[in-house]
Protein backbone atom coordinates (compact mmCIF):
# COMPACT_ATOMS: atom_id res chain seq x y z
CA UNK A 1 -6.70 -33.03 -4.97
CA UNK A 2 -5.73 -28.76 -3.82
CA UNK A 3 -8.79 -26.19 -4.97
CA UNK A 4 -7.97 -24.50 -7.83
CA UNK A 5 -8.22 -20.69 -8.43
CA UNK A 6 -11.47 -21.92 -10.24
CA UNK A 7 -12.78 -23.83 -8.14
CA UNK A 8 -11.99 -20.86 -5.06
CA UNK A 9 -13.66 -17.94 -7.07
CA UNK A 10 -16.84 -21.05 -7.19
CA UNK A 11 -16.57 -21.03 -2.46
CA UNK A 12 -16.51 -17.23 -2.34
CA UNK A 13 -19.32 -16.44 -4.48
CA UNK A 14 -21.02 -19.10 -2.83
CA UNK A 15 -20.04 -17.73 0.39
CA UNK A 16 -20.70 -14.18 -0.94
CA UNK A 17 -24.37 -15.06 -1.77
CA UNK A 18 -24.80 -16.84 1.18
CA UNK A 19 -24.19 -14.29 3.05
CA UNK A 20 -25.33 -10.90 1.23
CA UNK A 21 -22.69 -8.88 0.42
CA UNK A 22 -23.67 -7.77 -2.65
CA UNK A 23 -19.76 -5.67 -3.04
CA UNK A 24 -17.80 -9.18 -2.89
CA UNK A 25 -20.05 -10.56 -5.60
CA UNK A 26 -19.52 -7.75 -7.63
CA UNK A 27 -15.78 -8.32 -6.98
CA UNK A 28 -15.56 -12.00 -6.95
CA UNK A 29 -17.75 -11.92 -9.91
CA UNK A 30 -14.91 -9.78 -12.27
CA UNK A 31 -12.49 -11.98 -10.60
CA UNK A 32 -13.77 -15.35 -11.79
CA UNK A 33 -14.28 -13.87 -15.26
CA UNK A 34 -11.40 -13.13 -15.57
CA UNK A 35 -10.12 -16.95 -14.37
CA UNK A 36 -12.75 -17.80 -17.36
CA UNK A 37 -15.45 -19.50 -15.16
CA UNK A 38 -17.63 -20.76 -16.70
CA UNK A 39 -21.12 -19.13 -16.65
CA UNK A 40 -22.91 -22.02 -15.90
CA UNK A 41 -20.24 -22.47 -13.63
CA UNK A 42 -21.37 -19.34 -11.92
CA UNK A 43 -25.40 -19.65 -12.04
CA UNK A 44 -25.46 -23.43 -10.76
CA UNK A 45 -23.15 -21.50 -7.68
CA UNK A 46 -25.80 -18.86 -7.01
CA UNK A 47 -28.30 -22.04 -7.20
CA UNK A 48 -26.48 -23.50 -4.79
CA UNK A 49 -25.97 -20.39 -2.05
CA UNK A 50 -29.39 -19.24 -2.26
CA UNK A 51 -30.66 -22.88 -0.76
CA UNK A 52 -28.44 -23.73 1.34
CA UNK A 53 -29.14 -20.00 2.87
CA UNK A 54 -33.02 -20.34 2.21
CA UNK A 55 -32.50 -24.36 3.97
CA UNK A 56 -30.85 -22.36 6.73
CA UNK A 57 -33.63 -19.71 6.85
CA UNK A 58 -36.23 -22.33 7.31
CA UNK A 59 -34.36 -23.71 10.12
CA UNK A 60 -34.90 -21.16 12.23
CA UNK A 61 -37.96 -20.43 11.34
CA UNK A 62 -38.90 -24.31 12.14
CA UNK A 63 -37.06 -23.60 15.41
CA UNK A 64 -38.58 -20.69 16.86
CA UNK A 65 -41.52 -21.96 15.76
CA UNK A 66 -41.76 -25.45 17.44
CA UNK A 67 -41.11 -24.31 20.57
CA UNK A 68 -37.53 -24.38 20.39
CA UNK A 69 -36.74 -27.34 19.37
CA UNK A 70 -34.70 -28.90 16.48
CA UNK A 71 -36.24 -31.37 14.66
CA UNK A 72 -35.34 -29.86 10.83
CA UNK A 73 -32.28 -32.18 9.35
CA UNK A 74 -31.32 -30.35 6.13
CA UNK A 75 -30.48 -32.45 3.21
CA UNK A 76 -27.53 -32.10 1.74
CA UNK A 77 -27.70 -29.80 -1.74
CA UNK A 78 -28.13 -32.52 -4.92
CA UNK A 79 -29.44 -29.81 -7.41
CA UNK A 80 -27.10 -27.22 -8.84
CA UNK A 81 -24.06 -27.77 -10.64
CA UNK A 82 -23.20 -31.08 -12.50
CA UNK A 83 -19.44 -31.37 -10.82
CA UNK A 84 -20.02 -32.48 -7.61
CA UNK A 85 -16.76 -31.82 -5.95
CA UNK A 86 -17.77 -27.92 -7.63
CA UNK A 87 -21.79 -28.53 -5.83
CA UNK A 88 -19.74 -29.74 -2.58
CA UNK A 89 -17.53 -27.62 -1.77
CA UNK A 90 -19.96 -24.36 -2.17
CA UNK A 91 -22.20 -26.06 -0.21
CA UNK A 92 -20.39 -26.05 3.39
CA UNK A 93 -19.15 -22.70 2.08
CA UNK A 94 -22.43 -21.86 2.15
CA UNK A 95 -23.41 -23.47 4.85
CA UNK A 96 -20.52 -22.09 6.97
CA UNK A 97 -21.33 -18.56 5.68
CA UNK A 98 -24.73 -18.29 6.94
CA UNK A 99 -24.19 -19.88 10.43
CA UNK A 100 -25.57 -23.08 9.95
CA UNK A 101 -24.04 -25.80 12.12
CA UNK A 102 -26.35 -29.16 10.98
CA UNK A 103 -26.06 -27.35 7.90
CA UNK A 104 -22.27 -27.17 7.96
CA UNK A 105 -21.79 -30.68 9.29
CA UNK A 106 -24.52 -32.86 6.93
CA UNK A 107 -22.39 -30.32 3.74
CA UNK A 108 -18.80 -31.76 5.32
CA UNK A 109 -20.29 -35.00 6.07
CA UNK A 110 -21.12 -35.15 2.06
CA UNK A 111 -18.12 -33.54 0.87
CA UNK A 112 -16.37 -36.14 2.47
CA UNK A 113 -18.14 -38.84 0.57
CA UNK A 114 -16.84 -37.39 -2.70
CA UNK A 115 -13.41 -37.75 -1.68
CA UNK A 116 -12.53 -33.57 -0.43
CA UNK A 117 -10.34 -34.28 2.10
CA UNK A 118 -9.30 -32.23 5.03
CA UNK A 119 -6.95 -29.52 4.22
CA UNK A 120 -9.72 -28.67 1.13
CA UNK A 121 -12.60 -28.19 3.52
CA UNK A 122 -9.79 -26.07 6.09
CA UNK A 123 -9.59 -23.27 2.96
CA UNK A 124 -13.31 -23.95 2.40
CA UNK A 125 -14.14 -22.78 5.47
CA UNK A 126 -11.27 -20.32 4.92
CA UNK A 127 -12.18 -18.32 2.33
CA UNK A 128 -16.26 -18.64 3.53
CA UNK A 129 -15.02 -16.78 6.89
CA UNK A 130 -13.53 -14.47 5.35
CA UNK A 131 -16.36 -13.81 3.35
CA UNK A 132 -18.43 -12.98 6.35
CA UNK A 133 -15.89 -10.59 8.34
CA UNK A 134 -16.34 -8.75 5.05
CA UNK A 135 -19.81 -8.37 4.68
CA UNK A 136 -19.80 -7.72 8.80
CA UNK A 137 -17.10 -4.92 7.55
CA UNK A 138 -18.59 -3.50 4.85
CA UNK A 139 -22.23 -2.87 7.73
CA UNK A 140 -20.10 -1.96 9.99
CA UNK A 141 -18.69 0.36 7.76
CA UNK A 142 -22.05 1.80 6.69
CA UNK A 143 -23.15 2.23 10.51
CA UNK A 144 -20.46 4.15 11.96
CA UNK A 145 -20.45 8.41 11.78
CA UNK A 146 -19.29 8.85 8.89
CA UNK A 147 -20.94 6.16 6.92
CA UNK A 148 -24.27 7.16 8.58
CA UNK A 149 -24.47 10.37 6.59
CA UNK A 150 -22.68 8.98 3.70
CA UNK A 151 -25.11 6.33 2.44
CA UNK A 152 -24.37 6.30 -0.43
CA UNK A 153 -24.88 3.01 -2.46
CA UNK A 154 -21.46 3.23 -4.41
CA UNK A 155 -19.34 -0.15 -3.26
CA UNK A 156 -16.89 0.15 -6.08
CA UNK A 157 -14.01 -1.50 -6.77
CA UNK A 158 -12.20 0.71 -5.89
CA UNK A 159 -13.73 1.11 -1.86
CA UNK A 160 -12.16 -2.58 -1.73
CA UNK A 161 -8.85 -3.05 -2.67
CA UNK A 162 -7.25 -4.93 -0.84
CA UNK A 163 -9.66 -7.13 1.52
CA UNK A 164 -8.46 -10.19 1.90
CA UNK A 165 -5.66 -11.37 4.01
CA UNK A 166 -3.45 -14.35 4.12
CA UNK A 167 -5.56 -16.98 2.84
CA UNK A 168 -5.52 -15.61 -0.61
CA UNK A 169 -1.97 -14.48 -0.67
CA UNK A 170 -1.42 -18.10 -1.68
CA UNK A 171 -2.54 -18.11 -4.41
CA UNK A 172 -0.83 -15.01 -6.31
CA UNK A 173 1.46 -16.85 -8.19
CA UNK A 174 -1.85 -18.75 -9.58
CA UNK A 175 -3.41 -16.08 -10.20
CA UNK A 176 -1.03 -14.25 -11.95
CA UNK A 177 -0.08 -17.47 -14.08
CA UNK A 178 -3.83 -17.70 -14.88
CA UNK A 179 -4.33 -13.44 -15.73
CA UNK A 180 -1.18 -13.48 -17.70
CA UNK A 181 -2.95 -16.93 -19.61
CA UNK A 182 -5.91 -15.34 -20.02
CA UNK A 183 -5.47 -11.88 -20.55
CA UNK A 184 -7.53 -11.89 -23.71
CA UNK A 185 -7.66 -8.17 -24.75
CA UNK A 186 -6.86 -4.64 -24.12
CA UNK A 187 -10.35 -4.06 -22.49
CA UNK A 188 -9.37 -6.27 -19.14
CA UNK A 189 -8.24 -6.70 -15.70
CA UNK A 190 -4.63 -6.18 -15.90
CA UNK A 191 -2.02 -8.73 -13.89
CA UNK A 192 -1.56 -7.05 -11.54
CA UNK A 193 -5.30 -5.12 -11.41
CA UNK A 194 -6.16 -9.15 -10.46
CA UNK A 195 -4.17 -9.31 -8.06
CA UNK A 196 -5.23 -6.16 -6.67
CA UNK A 197 -9.12 -7.57 -6.63
CA UNK A 198 -8.07 -10.51 -5.70
CA UNK A 199 -6.04 -9.82 -2.78
CA UNK A 200 -2.74 -11.53 -3.59
CA UNK A 201 -0.02 -8.82 -2.20
């Protein structure tokens, strides 16, 4: 079953939380709201991603304190999402975003057990990989000579107008139709704003 636009945003939010990319979280929370992702699904996603991030930290702590013996075995996440598919997709995304090899392996195995196919897993990893790159780019920009001199915390959406590449471009028509279907007030983002934010050029 192909990943839906709503699932895609949960995957991206999970990767953003796990990688600590606050501008990414802000941007994709807006996109998720425009696509009418439920508050419950968003909060479940955040809980799963924080859990994965903490497990990865615990794994490294255990590895270092045990004399560099890799004995920590992260278990697939069971808390969080009521929807097992969402939980599995977000878990793979978050584990990939925090570079936890053993966690990624466990989460992929758990996802396969509930029927998530290879194409969906590749899509999740592609999205998570991109969010990791965005998180790094924010830090690199801050550490540039200009960024160090102008280190404010503006993080506006305008700064990140076209951040996404080909892995999300395929969703352009889906995002346009979703935004058009759900646009409900004059104060909401236009279809073109939504597409610009999601990076589907």
